[in-house]
N, C-alpha and C. Protein backbone atom coordinates (compact mmCIF):
# COMPACT_ATOMS: atom_id res chain seq x y z
N MET A 1 7.72 16.91 2.15
CA MET A 1 6.43 16.38 1.98
C MET A 1 6.02 16.40 3.28
N ALA A 2 4.77 17.23 3.66
CA ALA A 2 4.14 17.14 4.83
C ALA A 2 4.08 15.77 5.69
N ASP A 3 3.89 15.82 7.01
CA ASP A 3 3.51 15.03 7.73
C ASP A 3 1.93 14.32 7.45
N THR A 4 2.01 13.34 6.48
CA THR A 4 0.81 12.59 6.30
C THR A 4 0.37 11.79 7.39
N LEU A 5 -0.73 11.12 7.19
CA LEU A 5 -1.70 10.37 7.98
C LEU A 5 -0.44 8.91 8.03
N PHE A 6 0.07 8.85 6.72
CA PHE A 6 0.94 7.27 6.66
C PHE A 6 2.12 7.39 7.60
N ALA A 7 2.71 8.75 7.57
CA ALA A 7 3.91 8.89 8.22
C ALA A 7 3.56 8.89 9.43
N LYS A 8 2.67 9.27 9.99
CA LYS A 8 2.17 9.50 11.36
C LYS A 8 1.89 7.66 11.64
N ILE A 9 1.17 6.91 11.12
CA ILE A 9 1.37 5.53 11.22
C ILE A 9 2.94 4.91 11.25
N ILE A 10 3.80 5.36 10.51
CA ILE A 10 4.76 4.82 10.59
C ILE A 10 5.54 5.11 11.46
N ASP A 11 5.38 6.24 12.27
CA ASP A 11 5.98 6.65 13.17
C ASP A 11 5.70 6.38 14.56
N ARG A 12 4.12 5.57 14.79
CA ARG A 12 3.43 5.20 15.79
C ARG A 12 2.77 6.50 16.54
N GLN A 13 2.44 7.42 15.65
CA GLN A 13 1.94 8.30 16.29
C GLN A 13 0.39 8.44 16.41
N ILE A 14 -0.10 7.36 15.25
CA ILE A 14 -1.39 6.96 15.09
C ILE A 14 -1.24 5.54 15.24
N PRO A 15 -2.33 4.69 15.86
CA PRO A 15 -2.24 3.36 16.01
C PRO A 15 -3.03 2.76 14.63
N ALA A 16 -2.52 1.67 14.29
CA ALA A 16 -2.99 0.79 13.13
C ALA A 16 -3.03 -0.64 13.11
N ASP A 17 -3.55 -1.49 12.56
CA ASP A 17 -3.60 -3.00 12.63
C ASP A 17 -2.46 -3.10 11.78
N ILE A 18 -1.38 -3.68 12.10
CA ILE A 18 0.02 -3.79 11.25
C ILE A 18 0.29 -4.93 10.91
N VAL A 19 0.25 -5.60 9.68
CA VAL A 19 0.23 -7.01 9.50
C VAL A 19 1.77 -7.32 9.05
N TYR A 20 2.50 -6.27 8.51
CA TYR A 20 3.99 -6.57 7.68
C TYR A 20 4.82 -5.30 8.18
N GLU A 21 5.77 -5.59 8.58
CA GLU A 21 6.76 -4.62 8.55
C GLU A 21 8.42 -5.19 8.32
N ASP A 22 9.09 -3.95 7.45
CA ASP A 22 10.55 -4.46 7.52
C ASP A 22 11.41 -3.27 7.60
N ASP A 23 12.42 -3.13 7.01
CA ASP A 23 13.09 -1.85 7.27
C ASP A 23 12.81 -0.87 5.96
N LEU A 24 12.04 -1.12 4.93
CA LEU A 24 11.65 -0.38 4.02
C LEU A 24 10.24 0.19 4.04
N CYS A 25 9.35 -0.66 4.54
CA CYS A 25 8.01 -0.49 4.61
C CYS A 25 7.02 -1.19 5.70
N LEU A 26 5.88 -0.68 5.63
CA LEU A 26 4.86 -1.20 6.60
C LEU A 26 3.60 -1.30 5.71
N ALA A 27 3.01 -2.51 6.41
CA ALA A 27 1.39 -2.61 6.06
C ALA A 27 0.45 -2.69 7.29
N PHE A 28 -0.60 -2.00 6.62
CA PHE A 28 -1.42 -2.24 8.02
C PHE A 28 -2.86 -2.38 7.12
N ARG A 29 -4.09 -2.93 8.07
CA ARG A 29 -5.49 -3.08 7.19
C ARG A 29 -5.65 -1.52 7.43
N ASP A 30 -6.30 -1.44 5.87
CA ASP A 30 -7.39 -0.31 5.53
C ASP A 30 -8.88 -0.18 6.56
N ILE A 31 -8.75 1.18 7.22
CA ILE A 31 -10.23 1.25 8.00
C ILE A 31 -11.51 1.58 7.50
N ASN A 32 -11.34 1.46 6.15
CA ASN A 32 -12.45 1.42 5.30
C ASN A 32 -12.42 0.53 4.00
N PRO A 33 -12.09 -0.86 4.36
CA PRO A 33 -11.86 -1.89 3.35
C PRO A 33 -13.16 -2.08 2.56
N GLN A 34 -12.35 -2.37 0.93
CA GLN A 34 -13.16 -2.34 0.06
C GLN A 34 -13.09 -3.89 -0.64
N ALA A 35 -12.79 -4.66 0.33
CA ALA A 35 -12.47 -6.34 -0.11
C ALA A 35 -12.25 -6.81 1.50
N PRO A 36 -12.75 -8.12 1.62
CA PRO A 36 -12.69 -8.78 2.88
C PRO A 36 -11.08 -8.61 3.25
N ALA A 37 -10.21 -8.63 2.30
CA ALA A 37 -8.97 -8.39 2.84
C ALA A 37 -8.46 -7.26 1.96
N HIS A 38 -8.00 -5.95 2.80
CA HIS A 38 -7.66 -4.85 2.41
C HIS A 38 -6.62 -4.25 3.05
N VAL A 39 -5.09 -4.36 2.62
CA VAL A 39 -4.06 -3.98 3.47
C VAL A 39 -3.59 -2.62 2.35
N LEU A 40 -2.87 -1.75 3.07
CA LEU A 40 -2.26 -0.68 2.56
C LEU A 40 -0.73 -0.85 2.86
N LEU A 41 0.04 -0.95 2.05
CA LEU A 41 1.61 -1.06 2.05
C LEU A 41 2.14 0.12 1.46
N VAL A 42 2.96 0.78 2.47
CA VAL A 42 3.43 1.98 2.34
C VAL A 42 5.08 2.01 2.80
N PRO A 43 5.82 2.70 1.46
CA PRO A 43 7.23 2.78 2.06
C PRO A 43 7.56 3.68 3.05
N LYS A 44 8.31 3.39 3.75
CA LYS A 44 8.81 4.30 4.98
C LYS A 44 9.41 5.80 4.41
N LYS A 45 10.07 5.72 3.03
CA LYS A 45 10.34 6.68 2.46
C LYS A 45 9.48 7.73 1.95
N PRO A 46 9.29 8.82 2.10
CA PRO A 46 8.09 9.61 1.79
C PRO A 46 8.27 10.17 0.50
N ILE A 47 7.25 9.12 -0.33
CA ILE A 47 7.24 9.76 -1.80
C ILE A 47 5.78 9.79 -1.90
N ASP A 48 5.36 11.26 -2.47
CA ASP A 48 4.11 11.70 -2.63
C ASP A 48 3.23 10.69 -3.39
N MET A 49 3.48 10.27 -4.35
CA MET A 49 2.79 9.60 -5.34
C MET A 49 3.93 8.91 -6.57
N LEU A 50 3.41 7.80 -7.12
CA LEU A 50 4.33 6.98 -8.06
C LEU A 50 4.95 7.95 -9.33
N ALA A 51 4.61 8.98 -9.50
CA ALA A 51 4.91 9.79 -10.75
C ALA A 51 5.94 10.38 -10.03
N SER A 52 6.27 10.76 -8.94
CA SER A 52 7.23 11.59 -8.24
C SER A 52 8.53 10.78 -7.69
N ALA A 53 8.09 9.13 -7.80
CA ALA A 53 9.52 8.47 -7.77
C ALA A 53 10.55 8.72 -8.74
N GLN A 54 11.86 8.53 -8.19
CA GLN A 54 13.02 8.63 -9.14
C GLN A 54 13.56 7.40 -9.81
N ALA A 55 14.63 7.69 -10.25
CA ALA A 55 15.53 6.50 -10.41
C ALA A 55 16.20 5.67 -9.30
N GLU A 56 16.37 6.55 -8.48
CA GLU A 56 17.04 6.12 -7.03
C GLU A 56 16.19 5.40 -6.40
N ASP A 57 14.86 5.27 -6.73
CA ASP A 57 13.56 4.32 -5.70
C ASP A 57 13.45 3.41 -6.68
N GLN A 58 13.92 3.03 -7.50
CA GLN A 58 13.91 1.83 -8.41
C GLN A 58 13.62 0.86 -7.37
N ALA A 59 15.02 0.52 -6.66
CA ALA A 59 14.91 -1.09 -5.80
C ALA A 59 13.96 -0.69 -4.81
N LEU A 60 13.28 0.11 -4.14
CA LEU A 60 12.25 0.43 -3.56
C LEU A 60 11.21 -0.22 -4.03
N LEU A 61 10.65 0.46 -5.09
CA LEU A 61 9.39 0.04 -5.89
C LEU A 61 9.64 -1.25 -6.03
N GLY A 62 10.46 -1.77 -6.34
CA GLY A 62 10.37 -3.57 -7.18
C GLY A 62 10.15 -4.22 -5.20
N HIS A 63 10.85 -3.81 -4.35
CA HIS A 63 10.71 -4.11 -3.02
C HIS A 63 9.62 -4.22 -2.64
N LEU A 64 8.63 -3.10 -2.78
CA LEU A 64 7.22 -3.12 -2.63
C LEU A 64 6.22 -4.18 -3.11
N LEU A 65 6.53 -4.40 -4.42
CA LEU A 65 5.75 -5.37 -4.83
C LEU A 65 6.04 -6.87 -4.69
N LEU A 66 7.69 -6.91 -4.33
CA LEU A 66 7.90 -8.25 -3.41
C LEU A 66 7.08 -8.42 -1.96
N ALA A 67 7.38 -7.07 -1.47
CA ALA A 67 6.41 -7.28 -0.23
C ALA A 67 4.98 -7.71 -0.26
N ALA A 68 4.05 -7.24 -1.47
CA ALA A 68 2.63 -7.28 -1.60
C ALA A 68 2.50 -8.86 -1.69
N GLY A 69 3.60 -9.67 -2.46
CA GLY A 69 3.53 -10.72 -2.38
C GLY A 69 3.87 -11.68 -0.98
N GLN A 70 4.68 -11.20 -0.41
CA GLN A 70 4.97 -12.01 0.66
C GLN A 70 3.41 -11.85 1.61
N ILE A 71 3.01 -10.42 1.76
CA ILE A 71 1.73 -10.35 2.43
C ILE A 71 0.47 -11.03 2.15
N ALA A 72 0.45 -11.03 0.65
CA ALA A 72 -0.66 -12.12 0.22
C ALA A 72 -0.63 -13.56 0.81
N ARG A 73 0.65 -13.91 0.78
CA ARG A 73 1.02 -15.57 1.06
C ARG A 73 0.45 -15.31 2.92
N GLN A 74 1.22 -14.46 3.51
CA GLN A 74 0.95 -14.34 4.97
C GLN A 74 -0.50 -14.42 5.05
N LEU A 75 -1.29 -13.55 4.39
CA LEU A 75 -2.88 -13.55 4.58
C LEU A 75 -3.75 -14.73 3.91
N LYS A 76 -2.63 -15.48 3.16
CA LYS A 76 -3.32 -17.03 2.42
C LYS A 76 -4.26 -16.58 1.38
N VAL A 77 -4.03 -15.49 0.56
CA VAL A 77 -4.84 -15.05 -0.63
C VAL A 77 -3.79 -15.23 -1.50
N GLU A 78 -2.85 -15.53 -1.60
CA GLU A 78 -2.05 -15.66 -2.90
C GLU A 78 -2.38 -16.19 -4.30
N SER A 79 -3.42 -16.83 -4.17
CA SER A 79 -3.87 -17.52 -5.70
C SER A 79 -5.02 -16.27 -5.97
N ALA A 80 -5.37 -15.25 -5.56
CA ALA A 80 -5.97 -14.37 -6.11
C ALA A 80 -6.24 -13.19 -5.28
N PHE A 81 -5.42 -11.75 -5.97
CA PHE A 81 -5.49 -10.95 -4.96
C PHE A 81 -5.13 -9.84 -6.12
N ARG A 82 -5.46 -8.48 -5.91
CA ARG A 82 -5.31 -7.13 -6.78
C ARG A 82 -4.31 -6.41 -6.22
N VAL A 83 -3.33 -5.64 -6.81
CA VAL A 83 -2.64 -4.78 -6.09
C VAL A 83 -2.99 -3.04 -7.06
N VAL A 84 -3.17 -2.04 -6.40
CA VAL A 84 -3.72 -0.76 -6.84
C VAL A 84 -2.69 -0.03 -6.56
N ILE A 85 -2.41 1.22 -7.05
CA ILE A 85 -1.92 2.46 -6.89
C ILE A 85 -2.56 3.41 -7.80
N ASN A 86 -2.90 4.33 -6.72
CA ASN A 86 -3.58 5.44 -7.07
C ASN A 86 -2.67 6.60 -7.41
N ASN A 87 -2.86 7.15 -8.43
CA ASN A 87 -1.41 8.53 -8.76
C ASN A 87 -2.33 9.69 -8.99
N GLY A 88 -2.29 10.48 -7.83
CA GLY A 88 -3.10 11.99 -8.25
C GLY A 88 -4.62 11.63 -7.60
N GLU A 89 -5.02 13.11 -7.14
CA GLU A 89 -6.16 13.22 -6.73
C GLU A 89 -7.71 12.43 -7.63
N SER A 90 -7.41 12.90 -9.06
CA SER A 90 -8.70 12.27 -9.98
C SER A 90 -8.32 10.78 -10.01
N SER A 91 -7.49 10.12 -9.49
CA SER A 91 -7.51 8.72 -9.55
C SER A 91 -7.92 8.21 -8.57
N GLY A 92 -8.22 8.88 -7.37
CA GLY A 92 -8.57 8.51 -6.06
C GLY A 92 -7.72 8.61 -4.89
N GLN A 93 -6.54 9.22 -5.08
CA GLN A 93 -5.31 9.06 -4.33
C GLN A 93 -6.00 10.10 -3.34
N SER A 94 -6.11 9.83 -1.92
CA SER A 94 -6.39 10.61 -0.94
C SER A 94 -5.43 10.95 0.08
N VAL A 95 -4.51 10.51 0.43
CA VAL A 95 -3.43 10.18 1.29
C VAL A 95 -1.98 10.54 0.00
N PHE A 96 -1.59 11.51 0.16
CA PHE A 96 -0.42 11.50 -0.42
C PHE A 96 0.96 11.18 -0.26
N HIS A 97 1.06 9.81 0.09
CA HIS A 97 2.01 9.01 0.70
C HIS A 97 1.90 7.91 -0.32
N LEU A 98 2.63 7.84 -1.40
CA LEU A 98 2.99 6.40 -1.99
C LEU A 98 2.40 5.29 -1.43
N HIS A 99 1.29 4.68 -1.86
CA HIS A 99 0.81 3.25 -1.09
C HIS A 99 0.25 2.45 -2.18
N LEU A 100 0.30 1.26 -1.91
CA LEU A 100 0.02 0.35 -2.65
C LEU A 100 -1.54 -0.30 -1.63
N HIS A 101 -2.36 -0.62 -2.44
CA HIS A 101 -3.62 -1.52 -1.80
C HIS A 101 -3.65 -2.65 -2.36
N ILE A 102 -3.68 -3.70 -1.59
CA ILE A 102 -3.63 -5.11 -1.49
C ILE A 102 -5.10 -5.42 -1.39
N LEU A 103 -5.84 -5.98 -2.15
CA LEU A 103 -7.13 -6.44 -2.24
C LEU A 103 -7.56 -7.87 -2.55
N ALA A 104 -8.06 -8.47 -1.54
CA ALA A 104 -8.48 -9.93 -2.08
C ALA A 104 -9.59 -10.06 -1.28
N GLY A 105 -10.16 -11.53 -1.59
CA GLY A 105 -11.34 -12.25 -0.77
C GLY A 105 -12.62 -11.82 -1.47
N ARG A 106 -12.87 -11.50 -2.59
CA ARG A 106 -13.82 -11.26 -3.29
C ARG A 106 -13.74 -11.33 -4.85
N PRO A 107 -14.73 -11.40 -5.86
CA PRO A 107 -14.43 -11.44 -7.10
C PRO A 107 -13.92 -9.79 -7.58
N PHE A 108 -13.39 -9.52 -8.66
CA PHE A 108 -12.77 -8.40 -8.84
C PHE A 108 -13.32 -8.29 -10.62
N ARG A 109 -13.84 -6.99 -10.86
CA ARG A 109 -13.81 -7.06 -12.48
C ARG A 109 -13.07 -6.21 -13.25
N TRP A 110 -13.04 -6.59 -14.67
CA TRP A 110 -12.35 -5.84 -15.66
C TRP A 110 -12.90 -5.36 -16.27
N PRO A 111 -12.68 -3.99 -16.81
CA PRO A 111 -11.64 -2.94 -16.29
C PRO A 111 -12.15 -2.36 -14.82
N PRO A 112 -11.17 -1.88 -14.02
CA PRO A 112 -11.89 -1.46 -12.69
C PRO A 112 -12.47 -0.11 -12.85
N GLY A 113 -13.15 0.33 -11.93
CA GLY A 113 -13.99 1.49 -12.27
C GLY A 113 -13.20 2.81 -12.10
């Protein structure tokens, strides 16, 4: 996988407002927020999209969801937040490095647009 914007953030080549980091992932505030709280959570392992994840990534994918909950608690939005993963260009994915959007701070509708 090519050096993506998110890989450069992980490597500290591009600055970001980092809110969480551990050995497996990094979370930072989205520069174009779609909600009052909008954080992107990215694995440090380069996976271009969810559909490209392999069986060996199972623990990492579970870790990302647990980290999303921890980040929501840290941001004090644990009572109401949404986690979104876009897979592929037609779904809205613009950076091809797997990432979870953690959104909170406003009402959300169902189904999403």
